[in-house]
Protein backbone atom coordinates (compact mmCIF):
# COMPACT_ATOMS: atom_id res chain seq x y z
CA MET A 1 8.94 12.76 5.57
CA GLU A 2 11.31 15.77 6.88
CA GLY A 3 10.51 14.93 10.50
CA GLY A 4 10.89 11.24 10.08
CA VAL A 5 8.81 8.29 12.42
CA LEU A 6 7.90 11.03 15.34
CA GLU A 7 6.54 13.32 11.43
CA ALA A 8 4.89 10.07 10.44
CA LEU A 9 3.31 9.51 13.88
CA GLY A 10 1.69 12.88 14.15
CA ARG A 11 -0.07 13.42 10.92
CA LEU A 12 -0.93 9.49 11.30
CA MET A 13 -3.17 10.51 14.69
CA ARG A 14 -3.75 13.70 14.23
CA GLY A 15 -6.96 13.52 11.53
CA PRO A 16 -8.58 9.95 10.81
CA VAL A 17 -6.26 8.50 8.83
CA THR A 18 -5.59 4.39 8.48
CA LEU A 19 -2.82 2.51 7.59
CA TYR A 20 -3.80 -1.13 5.59
CA VAL A 21 -1.18 -3.29 5.43
CA TYR A 22 -1.02 -6.08 3.85
CA PRO A 23 0.38 -9.30 4.21
CA TRP A 24 3.70 -9.99 2.50
CA LYS A 25 6.58 -13.02 2.67
CA SER A 26 9.57 -12.89 4.31
CA GLU A 27 13.44 -13.26 2.83
CA THR A 28 12.94 -16.61 4.98
CA GLY A 29 8.77 -16.98 3.02
CA GLU A 30 7.10 -16.97 5.73
CA ILE A 31 4.57 -14.64 5.18
CA VAL A 32 4.09 -11.21 7.57
CA THR A 33 1.09 -9.95 8.76
CA ALA A 34 0.59 -6.58 10.46
CA GLU A 35 -0.30 -8.82 13.06
CA THR A 36 2.82 -10.55 13.17
CA PHE A 37 5.31 -8.30 12.28
CA LEU A 38 7.59 -7.27 14.88
CA ALA A 39 8.55 -3.52 15.10
CA PRO A 40 11.94 -2.51 15.47
CA ALA A 41 12.07 -2.87 19.80
CA ALA A 42 12.49 0.58 20.62
CA LEU A 43 9.06 0.98 18.25
CA ARG A 44 6.92 -1.70 19.23
CA HIS A 45 4.63 -0.41 22.41
CA LEU A 46 3.86 2.07 19.45
CA TYR A 47 3.54 -0.22 17.16
CA ALA A 48 1.03 -2.51 19.21
CA HIS A 49 -1.18 0.58 20.73
CA LEU A 50 -1.87 1.48 16.86
CA LEU A 51 -2.65 -1.85 16.10
CA GLU A 52 -4.93 -2.24 18.63
CA ASN A 53 -6.59 0.73 17.86
CA HIS A 54 -7.52 0.49 14.29
CA ARG A 55 -4.59 2.78 12.57
CA VAL A 56 -3.43 -0.16 11.37
CA GLU A 57 -6.00 -2.47 10.09
CA PRO A 58 -4.80 -5.52 8.52
CA ILE A 59 -6.15 -6.96 5.46
CA ARG A 60 -7.15 -10.10 5.29
CA ASP A 61 -8.74 -11.87 2.13
CA THR A 62 -5.72 -12.78 -0.12
CA THR A 63 -4.35 -15.45 -1.43
CA PRO A 64 -0.64 -16.84 -1.97
CA ALA A 65 -0.26 -16.17 -5.72
CA ASP A 66 -1.38 -12.15 -4.31
CA LEU A 67 1.74 -12.21 -2.39
CA SER A 68 3.58 -12.44 -5.97
CA ILE A 69 2.91 -8.94 -5.90
CA LEU A 70 4.98 -6.30 -5.53
CA PRO A 71 3.77 -3.12 -4.41
CA ARG A 72 6.92 -1.41 -5.94
CA ASP A 73 5.95 -2.71 -9.52
CA VAL A 74 2.32 -1.53 -9.35
CA LEU A 75 3.18 1.74 -8.64
CA ALA A 76 6.03 1.77 -11.08
CA ARG A 77 3.49 0.35 -14.38
CA LEU A 78 0.85 2.74 -13.24
CA GLN A 79 3.36 5.40 -13.75
CA GLU A 80 4.28 4.19 -17.34
CA GLY A 81 1.22 4.57 -18.15
CA ASP A 82 0.84 1.26 -18.05
CA PRO A 83 -3.02 0.55 -17.37
CA THR A 84 -2.04 -3.81 -16.84
CA TRP A 85 -1.11 -2.06 -13.16
CA GLU A 86 -4.94 -2.31 -13.33
CA ASP A 87 -4.62 -6.23 -13.35
CA LEU A 88 -2.55 -6.70 -9.80
CA VAL A 89 -4.87 -4.65 -7.67
CA PRO A 90 -8.53 -5.67 -7.30
CA GLN A 91 -10.88 -3.31 -8.99
CA GLU A 92 -11.87 -1.03 -6.13
CA VAL A 93 -8.48 -0.04 -5.79
CA ALA A 94 -8.39 0.90 -9.42
CA ARG A 95 -11.30 3.18 -9.29
CA VAL A 96 -9.78 5.17 -6.25
CA ILE A 97 -6.39 5.56 -7.65
CA LYS A 98 -7.94 7.05 -11.42
CA ALA A 99 -10.81 8.64 -9.81
CA GLY A 100 -8.23 11.15 -7.83
CA ARG A 101 -5.45 10.37 -9.29
CA LEU A 102 -3.33 8.76 -6.58
CA PHE A 103 0.27 7.43 -6.76
CA GLY A 104 1.18 9.19 -10.20
CA PHE A 105 -1.94 7.93 -12.22
CA ARG A 106 -2.48 9.18 -15.57
CA GLU A 107 -4.94 8.80 -18.04
CA PRO A 108 -3.11 7.10 -21.06
CA ALA A 109 -2.67 9.45 -24.03
CA LEU A 110 -4.70 8.74 -26.41
CA MET A 111 -3.26 6.58 -29.13
CA GLN A 112 -2.80 9.30 -32.33
CA SER A 113 -4.76 8.31 -35.76
CA GLY A 114 -1.85 8.36 -39.61
CA THR A 115 -4.89 10.39 -40.55
């Protein structure tokens, strides 16, 4: 965003917006969650405020295998029209993305027959 962190926070606090944070593996292999994430020093109080006021919510129902799925890979497949992206997200998430045409989703073009 043009206004950087301040603009993003203004938008977050203005409306009924919640950020759902999926756990990830750090470079050291440690699992990081919304609750264990260490924000930069200058933003720690702000992040704690967002977490405490449920503007940031951890996603808890995950398995270690899920952590090998990278959001950028899912997004790339989705935007390329590769239907395998749906196998990498919960069914409800896929339904919402498709219904709202989110993240650049487009219906795949129907295969043209030679007749």
